[in-house]
Amino acid sequence: PWYRTPLAYIIYILALAGLFWWYRKQRHRKEQDRLRLQEHIHAEEMADAKLEFFMNISHEIRTPMTLIVTPLLSLIKQDDDAHRRSVYETIRRNAERILGLINQMMDLRKIDKGQMQMHMCETEIVSFINDIYTLFTQQAKSKNIQFTYERDTEELPVWIDRDNFDKVVVNLLSNAFKFTPAGGTIRIGLTHDDKNVHIAIKDSGEGIPADKLDRIFERFYQTPSSTN
């Protein structure tokens, strides 16, 4: 009969081989899925462990920073020398800024879970920038840098996330001071029109080459520098 012919046996063998190949392929796919799931779980566990370690370190840093601020406030109250009080005040503002950054680092869990939100509030931007400006005046004196803050108004309310906006301006100024040589100039300019507020930070440092401008948002990227 036809089902016992050589052609039939060849078809049977091919069908069995096909079923065996399909079974092996399914097993291999399931094994790959299992390994990928294990890698994903392991990566999440490692990320959680790193985050927990980072948060523990942040918590440990916050305690000594608090212990620095408290005696510093005592010094400010007791010392009548205007120059020293000004220096103490600068130290206090920077110490409190560090404490604020540490508190933000403690919110990393919220970022990790996608729960971090912007907190916008109405802010008088001229005095807000001026507070940041005063933080760098001592550094400008020590490096003999002409540091100025120019604005076209004395009062201007805007809506910003104060913490994040503060970090943006401080980072720009930090880079300006880092790459401006002694005797140079750094200028903060604030202008506005009916719809926009413009904040510009200019310095007499070497600047960023035009062909590297597209890389300024790469984390930790630095252009090769010949003079600094």
C-alpha atoms as a PDB file:
ATOM      1  CA  PRO A   1       0.000   0.000   0.000  1.00  0.00           C
ATOM      2  CA  TRP A   2       0.989   3.656  -0.464  1.00  0.00           C
ATOM      3  CA  TYR A   3       1.686   4.226   3.245  1.00  0.00           C
ATOM      4  CA  ARG A   4       4.463   1.608   3.148  1.00  0.00           C
ATOM      5  CA  THR A   5       6.203   2.840   0.038  1.00  0.00           C
ATOM      6  CA  PRO A   6       9.732   4.289   0.223  1.00  0.00           C
ATOM      7  CA  LEU A   7       8.299   7.783  -0.462  1.00  0.00           C
ATOM      8  CA  ALA A   8       5.923   7.436   2.494  1.00  0.00           C
ATOM      9  CA  TYR A   9       8.766   6.434   4.807  1.00  0.00           C
ATOM     10  CA  ILE A  10      10.783   9.433   3.626  1.00  0.00           C
ATOM     11  CA  ILE A  11       7.800  11.704   4.420  1.00  0.00           C
ATOM     12  CA  TYR A  12       7.469  10.098   7.881  1.00  0.00           C
ATOM     13  CA  ILE A  13      11.161  10.676   8.591  1.00  0.00           C
ATOM     14  CA  LEU A  14      10.975  14.301   7.407  1.00  0.00           C
ATOM     15  CA  ALA A  15       7.853  14.926   9.524  1.00  0.00           C
ATOM     16  CA  LEU A  16       9.511  13.454  12.625  1.00  0.00           C
ATOM     17  CA  ALA A  17      12.647  15.506  11.953  1.00  0.00           C
ATOM     18  CA  GLY A  18      10.501  18.601  11.565  1.00  0.00           C
ATOM     19  CA  LEU A  19       8.669  17.937  14.836  1.00  0.00           C
ATOM     20  CA  PHE A  20      11.974  17.314  16.594  1.00  0.00           C
ATOM     21  CA  TRP A  21      13.442  20.564  15.188  1.00  0.00           C
ATOM     22  CA  TRP A  22      10.314  22.518  16.232  1.00  0.00           C
ATOM     23  CA  TYR A  23      10.499  21.032  19.759  1.00  0.00           C
ATOM     24  CA  ARG A  24      14.194  21.914  20.098  1.00  0.00           C
ATOM     25  CA  LYS A  25      13.536  25.422  18.830  1.00  0.00           C
ATOM     26  CA  GLN A  26      10.706  25.951  21.352  1.00  0.00           C
ATOM     27  CA  ARG A  27      12.869  24.669  24.194  1.00  0.00           C
ATOM     28  CA  HIS A  28      15.729  26.925  23.118  1.00  0.00           C
ATOM     29  CA  ARG A  29      13.397  29.946  22.942  1.00  0.00           C
ATOM     30  CA  LYS A  30      11.974  29.224  26.394  1.00  0.00           C
ATOM     31  CA  GLU A  31      15.480  28.804  27.796  1.00  0.00           C
ATOM     32  CA  GLN A  32      16.529  32.136  26.245  1.00  0.00           C
ATOM     33  CA  ASP A  33      13.444  33.829  27.704  1.00  0.00           C
ATOM     34  CA  ARG A  34      14.227  32.351  31.117  1.00  0.00           C
ATOM     35  CA  LEU A  35      17.842  33.563  30.956  1.00  0.00           C
ATOM     36  CA  ARG A  36      16.766  37.050  29.865  1.00  0.00           C
ATOM     37  CA  LEU A  37      14.265  37.193  32.718  1.00  0.00           C
ATOM     38  CA  GLN A  38      16.960  36.131  35.189  1.00  0.00           C
ATOM     39  CA  GLU A  39      19.354  38.774  33.814  1.00  0.00           C
ATOM     40  CA  HIS A  40      16.629  41.421  34.103  1.00  0.00           C
ATOM     41  CA  ILE A  41      15.837  40.416  37.694  1.00  0.00           C
ATOM     42  CA  HIS A  42      19.549  40.385  38.555  1.00  0.00           C
ATOM     43  CA  ALA A  43      20.043  43.825  36.961  1.00  0.00           C
ATOM     44  CA  GLU A  44      17.101  45.217  38.960  1.00  0.00           C
ATOM     45  CA  GLU A  45      18.462  43.718  42.181  1.00  0.00           C
ATOM     46  CA  MET A  46      21.902  45.224  41.483  1.00  0.00           C
ATOM     47  CA  ALA A  47      20.363  48.613  40.674  1.00  0.00           C
ATOM     48  CA  ASP A  48      18.319  48.511  43.889  1.00  0.00           C
ATOM     49  CA  ALA A  49      21.417  47.555  45.900  1.00  0.00           C
ATOM     50  CA  LYS A  50      23.456  50.402  44.369  1.00  0.00           C
ATOM     51  CA  LEU A  51      20.630  52.867  44.946  1.00  0.00           C
ATOM     52  CA  GLU A  52      20.246  51.769  48.553  1.00  0.00           C
ATOM     53  CA  PHE A  53      24.007  52.090  49.108  1.00  0.00           C
ATOM     54  CA  PHE A  54      23.998  55.547  47.521  1.00  0.00           C
ATOM     55  CA  MET A  55      21.089  56.674  49.673  1.00  0.00           C
ATOM     56  CA  ASN A  56      22.804  55.333  52.809  1.00  0.00           C
ATOM     57  CA  ILE A  57      25.960  57.301  51.967  1.00  0.00           C
ATOM     58  CA  SER A  58      23.861  60.422  51.311  1.00  0.00           C
ATOM     59  CA  HIS A  59      22.218  60.004  54.692  1.00  0.00           C
ATOM     60  CA  GLU A  60      25.611  59.654  56.378  1.00  0.00           C
ATOM     61  CA  ILE A  61      26.875  62.830  54.673  1.00  0.00           C
ATOM     62  CA  ARG A  62      23.826  64.814  55.799  1.00  0.00           C
ATOM     63  CA  THR A  63      24.606  64.344  59.508  1.00  0.00           C
ATOM     64  CA  PRO A  64      28.103  65.961  59.515  1.00  0.00           C
ATOM     65  CA  MET A  65      26.854  68.718  57.203  1.00  0.00           C
ATOM     66  CA  THR A  66      24.144  69.533  59.753  1.00  0.00           C
ATOM     67  CA  LEU A  67      26.800  69.585  62.479  1.00  0.00           C
ATOM     68  CA  ILE A  68      28.795  72.096  60.409  1.00  0.00           C
ATOM     69  CA  VAL A  69      25.876  74.483  59.923  1.00  0.00           C
ATOM     70  CA  THR A  70      24.865  74.664  63.600  1.00  0.00           C
ATOM     71  CA  PRO A  71      28.202  75.971  65.036  1.00  0.00           C
ATOM     72  CA  LEU A  72      28.545  78.208  61.970  1.00  0.00           C
ATOM     73  CA  LEU A  73      25.288  79.955  62.867  1.00  0.00           C
ATOM     74  CA  SER A  74      26.683  80.461  66.356  1.00  0.00           C
ATOM     75  CA  LEU A  75      29.824  82.079  64.918  1.00  0.00           C
ATOM     76  CA  ILE A  76      27.737  84.421  62.767  1.00  0.00           C
ATOM     77  CA  LYS A  77      25.793  85.601  65.825  1.00  0.00           C
ATOM     78  CA  GLN A  78      28.892  86.083  68.028  1.00  0.00           C
ATOM     79  CA  ASP A  79      31.342  87.678  65.578  1.00  0.00           C
ATOM     80  CA  ASP A  80      30.955  91.434  65.034  1.00  0.00           C
ATOM     81  CA  ASP A  81      33.592  91.702  62.313  1.00  0.00           C
ATOM     82  CA  ALA A  82      31.738  92.532  59.069  1.00  0.00           C
ATOM     83  CA  HIS A  83      34.254  90.795  56.766  1.00  0.00           C
ATOM     84  CA  ARG A  84      34.306  87.571  58.756  1.00  0.00           C
ATOM     85  CA  ARG A  85      30.511  87.578  59.037  1.00  0.00           C
ATOM     86  CA  SER A  86      30.324  87.900  55.253  1.00  0.00           C
ATOM     87  CA  VAL A  87      32.657  84.910  54.809  1.00  0.00           C
ATOM     88  CA  TYR A  88      30.695  82.903  57.376  1.00  0.00           C
ATOM     89  CA  GLU A  89      27.482  83.762  55.571  1.00  0.00           C
ATOM     90  CA  THR A  90      28.906  82.506  52.282  1.00  0.00           C
ATOM     91  CA  ILE A  91      29.983  79.263  53.974  1.00  0.00           C
ATOM     92  CA  ARG A  92      26.526  78.900  55.516  1.00  0.00           C
ATOM     93  CA  ARG A  93      24.717  79.376  52.201  1.00  0.00           C
ATOM     94  CA  ASN A  94      26.945  76.834  50.465  1.00  0.00           C
ATOM     95  CA  ALA A  95      26.596  74.340  53.344  1.00  0.00           C
ATOM     96  CA  GLU A  96      22.815  74.689  53.218  1.00  0.00           C
ATOM     97  CA  ARG A  97      22.975  74.271  49.441  1.00  0.00           C
ATOM     98  CA  ILE A  98      24.851  70.986  49.912  1.00  0.00           C
ATOM     99  CA  LEU A  99      22.228  69.893  52.418  1.00  0.00           C
ATOM    100  CA  GLY A 100      19.530  70.710  49.889  1.00  0.00           C
ATOM    101  CA  LEU A 101      21.294  68.649  47.208  1.00  0.00           C
ATOM    102  CA  ILE A 102      21.656  65.741  49.632  1.00  0.00           C
ATOM    103  CA  ASN A 103      17.944  65.920  50.379  1.00  0.00           C
ATOM    104  CA  GLN A 104      17.290  65.783  46.641  1.00  0.00           C
ATOM    105  CA  MET A 105      19.538  62.729  46.357  1.00  0.00           C
ATOM    106  CA  MET A 106      17.388  61.096  49.005  1.00  0.00           C
ATOM    107  CA  ASP A 107      14.534  61.389  46.501  1.00  0.00           C
ATOM    108  CA  LEU A 108      16.277  59.062  44.035  1.00  0.00           C
ATOM    109  CA  ARG A 109      13.804  56.335  44.890  1.00  0.00           C
ATOM    110  CA  LYS A 110      11.026  58.581  43.575  1.00  0.00           C
ATOM    111  CA  ILE A 111      12.982  59.126  40.357  1.00  0.00           C
ATOM    112  CA  ASP A 112      13.555  55.376  40.034  1.00  0.00           C
ATOM    113  CA  LYS A 113       9.815  54.731  40.365  1.00  0.00           C
ATOM    114  CA  GLY A 114       8.862  57.582  38.026  1.00  0.00           C
ATOM    115  CA  GLN A 115       7.239  59.559  40.838  1.00  0.00           C
ATOM    116  CA  MET A 116       9.449  62.654  40.769  1.00  0.00           C
ATOM    117  CA  GLN A 117       7.599  65.777  39.676  1.00  0.00           C
ATOM    118  CA  MET A 118       8.487  69.379  38.962  1.00  0.00           C
ATOM    119  CA  HIS A 119       7.402  71.819  41.660  1.00  0.00           C
ATOM    120  CA  MET A 120       6.722  75.143  39.985  1.00  0.00           C
ATOM    121  CA  CYS A 121       6.224  78.289  42.040  1.00  0.00           C
ATOM    122  CA  GLU A 122       6.218  82.012  41.400  1.00  0.00           C
ATOM    123  CA  THR A 123       9.715  83.382  42.029  1.00  0.00           C
ATOM    124  CA  GLU A 124      11.208  86.842  41.889  1.00  0.00           C
ATOM    125  CA  ILE A 125      13.962  85.943  39.416  1.00  0.00           C
ATOM    126  CA  VAL A 126      16.162  89.046  39.814  1.00  0.00           C
ATOM    127  CA  SER A 127      16.814  88.458  43.524  1.00  0.00           C
ATOM    128  CA  PHE A 128      16.916  84.679  42.928  1.00  0.00           C
ATOM    129  CA  ILE A 129      19.838  85.098  40.502  1.00  0.00           C
ATOM    130  CA  ASN A 130      21.408  87.673  42.825  1.00  0.00           C
ATOM    131  CA  ASP A 131      21.485  85.127  45.678  1.00  0.00           C
ATOM    132  CA  ILE A 132      23.398  82.747  43.394  1.00  0.00           C
ATOM    133  CA  TYR A 133      25.659  85.594  42.270  1.00  0.00           C
ATOM    134  CA  THR A 134      26.708  86.348  45.861  1.00  0.00           C
ATOM    135  CA  LEU A 135      27.762  82.721  46.347  1.00  0.00           C
ATOM    136  CA  PHE A 136      30.542  83.188  43.790  1.00  0.00           C
ATOM    137  CA  THR A 137      31.767  86.667  44.745  1.00  0.00           C
ATOM    138  CA  GLN A 138      34.419  85.336  47.139  1.00  0.00           C
ATOM    139  CA  GLN A 139      35.727  82.960  44.476  1.00  0.00           C
ATOM    140  CA  ALA A 140      35.850  85.843  41.997  1.00  0.00           C
ATOM    141  CA  LYS A 141      37.973  87.883  44.441  1.00  0.00           C
ATOM    142  CA  SER A 142      40.353  85.012  45.091  1.00  0.00           C
ATOM    143  CA  LYS A 143      40.924  84.509  41.333  1.00  0.00           C
ATOM    144  CA  ASN A 144      40.968  88.250  40.576  1.00  0.00           C
ATOM    145  CA  ILE A 145      38.047  87.819  38.165  1.00  0.00           C
ATOM    146  CA  GLN A 146      35.788  90.731  37.310  1.00  0.00           C
ATOM    147  CA  PHE A 147      32.387  89.270  38.143  1.00  0.00           C
ATOM    148  CA  THR A 148      29.263  91.293  37.319  1.00  0.00           C
ATOM    149  CA  TYR A 149      25.500  90.836  37.316  1.00  0.00           C
ATOM    150  CA  GLU A 150      23.577  93.086  34.957  1.00  0.00           C
ATOM    151  CA  ARG A 151      19.789  93.192  34.591  1.00  0.00           C
ATOM    152  CA  ASP A 152      17.259  95.375  32.822  1.00  0.00           C
ATOM    153  CA  THR A 153      14.804  95.412  35.738  1.00  0.00           C
ATOM    154  CA  GLU A 154      14.916  95.210  39.520  1.00  0.00           C
ATOM    155  CA  GLU A 155      11.898  92.958  39.941  1.00  0.00           C
ATOM    156  CA  LEU A 156      10.513  90.234  37.704  1.00  0.00           C
ATOM    157  CA  PRO A 157       8.193  87.398  38.849  1.00  0.00           C
ATOM    158  CA  VAL A 158       8.440  84.134  36.895  1.00  0.00           C
ATOM    159  CA  TRP A 159       7.304  80.545  37.429  1.00  0.00           C
ATOM    160  CA  ILE A 160      10.157  78.042  37.866  1.00  0.00           C
ATOM    161  CA  ASP A 161      11.106  74.886  39.723  1.00  0.00           C
ATOM    162  CA  ARG A 162      13.471  76.603  42.154  1.00  0.00           C
ATOM    163  CA  ASP A 163      15.649  73.577  42.992  1.00  0.00           C
ATOM    164  CA  ASN A 164      16.269  72.469  39.427  1.00  0.00           C
ATOM    165  CA  PHE A 165      16.627  75.986  38.048  1.00  0.00           C
ATOM    166  CA  ASP A 166      19.140  76.761  40.794  1.00  0.00           C
ATOM    167  CA  LYS A 167      21.240  73.753  39.757  1.00  0.00           C
ATOM    168  CA  VAL A 168      21.276  74.871  36.125  1.00  0.00           C
ATOM    169  CA  VAL A 169      22.583  78.369  36.916  1.00  0.00           C
ATOM    170  CA  VAL A 170      25.088  77.130  39.518  1.00  0.00           C
ATOM    171  CA  ASN A 171      26.502  74.578  37.077  1.00  0.00           C
ATOM    172  CA  LEU A 172      26.908  77.193  34.353  1.00  0.00           C
ATOM    173  CA  LEU A 173      28.711  79.538  36.740  1.00  0.00           C
ATOM    174  CA  SER A 174      30.883  76.722  38.112  1.00  0.00           C
ATOM    175  CA  ASN A 175      32.054  75.914  34.598  1.00  0.00           C
ATOM    176  CA  ALA A 176      32.630  79.593  33.865  1.00  0.00           C
ATOM    177  CA  PHE A 177      34.883  79.934  36.928  1.00  0.00           C
ATOM    178  CA  LYS A 178      36.624  76.646  36.175  1.00  0.00           C
ATOM    179  CA  PHE A 179      37.685  77.697  32.670  1.00  0.00           C
ATOM    180  CA  THR A 180      38.208  81.429  33.120  1.00  0.00           C
ATOM    181  CA  PRO A 181      41.853  82.317  33.872  1.00  0.00           C
ATOM    182  CA  ALA A 182      42.860  84.686  36.666  1.00  0.00           C
ATOM    183  CA  GLY A 183      42.255  88.299  35.714  1.00  0.00           C
ATOM    184  CA  GLY A 184      39.410  87.355  33.360  1.00  0.00           C
ATOM    185  CA  THR A 185      35.774  88.413  33.324  1.00  0.00           C
ATOM    186  CA  ILE A 186      32.474  86.645  33.973  1.00  0.00           C
ATOM    187  CA  ARG A 187      29.143  88.335  33.414  1.00  0.00           C
ATOM    188  CA  ILE A 188      25.592  87.322  34.257  1.00  0.00           C
ATOM    189  CA  GLY A 189      23.030  89.116  32.110  1.00  0.00           C
ATOM    190  CA  LEU A 190      19.261  89.088  32.659  1.00  0.00           C
ATOM    191  CA  THR A 191      16.951  90.682  30.105  1.00  0.00           C
ATOM    192  CA  HIS A 192      13.281  90.228  29.321  1.00  0.00           C
ATOM    193  CA  ASP A 193      10.527  91.121  26.893  1.00  0.00           C
ATOM    194  CA  ASP A 194       6.771  90.618  26.942  1.00  0.00           C
ATOM    195  CA  LYS A 195       7.001  86.825  26.619  1.00  0.00           C
ATOM    196  CA  ASN A 196      10.469  85.651  27.609  1.00  0.00           C
ATOM    197  CA  VAL A 197      13.232  86.012  30.167  1.00  0.00           C
ATOM    198  CA  HIS A 198      16.785  85.633  28.885  1.00  0.00           C
ATOM    199  CA  ILE A 199      19.645  84.666  31.204  1.00  0.00           C
ATOM    200  CA  ALA A 200      23.139  84.677  29.709  1.00  0.00           C
ATOM    201  CA  ILE A 201      26.443  83.778  31.346  1.00  0.00           C
ATOM    202  CA  LYS A 202      29.494  84.978  29.445  1.00  0.00           C
ATOM    203  CA  ASP A 203      33.157  84.594  30.321  1.00  0.00           C
ATOM    204  CA  SER A 204      36.566  85.319  28.842  1.00  0.00           C
ATOM    205  CA  GLY A 205      37.685  81.687  29.015  1.00  0.00           C
ATOM    206  CA  GLU A 206      38.753  79.666  26.003  1.00  0.00           C
ATOM    207  CA  GLY A 207      35.195  78.590  25.155  1.00  0.00           C
ATOM    208  CA  ILE A 208      33.948  75.442  23.447  1.00  0.00           C
ATOM    209  CA  PRO A 209      35.066  74.703  19.863  1.00  0.00           C
ATOM    210  CA  ALA A 210      32.221  75.012  17.375  1.00  0.00           C
ATOM    211  CA  ASP A 211      32.612  71.392  16.249  1.00  0.00           C
ATOM    212  CA  LYS A 212      32.099  70.193  19.863  1.00  0.00           C
ATOM    213  CA  LEU A 213      28.928  72.162  20.646  1.00  0.00           C
ATOM    214  CA  ASP A 214      26.685  69.225  19.764  1.00  0.00           C
ATOM    215  CA  ARG A 215      28.251  67.243  22.640  1.00  0.00           C
ATOM    216  CA  ILE A 216      27.560  69.655  25.506  1.00  0.00           C
ATOM    217  CA  PHE A 217      24.702  67.519  26.861  1.00  0.00           C
ATOM    218  CA  GLU A 218      26.779  64.324  27.025  1.00  0.00           C
ATOM    219  CA  ARG A 219      27.277  63.471  30.683  1.00  0.00           C
ATOM    220  CA  PHE A 220      30.835  64.156  31.942  1.00  0.00           C
ATOM    221  CA  TYR A 221      32.158  64.938  28.444  1.00  0.00           C
ATOM    222  CA  GLN A 222      35.063  67.402  28.400  1.00  0.00           C
ATOM    223  CA  THR A 223      36.799  68.859  25.380  1.00  0.00           C
ATOM    224  CA  PRO A 224      40.593  68.531  25.274  1.00  0.00           C
ATOM    225  CA  SER A 225      42.098  71.740  26.660  1.00  0.00           C
ATOM    226  CA  SER A 226      45.511  73.186  25.872  1.00  0.00           C
ATOM    227  CA  THR A 227      45.501  76.192  28.207  1.00  0.00           C
ATOM    228  CA  ASN A 228      43.632  74.796  31.226  1.00  0.00           C
END
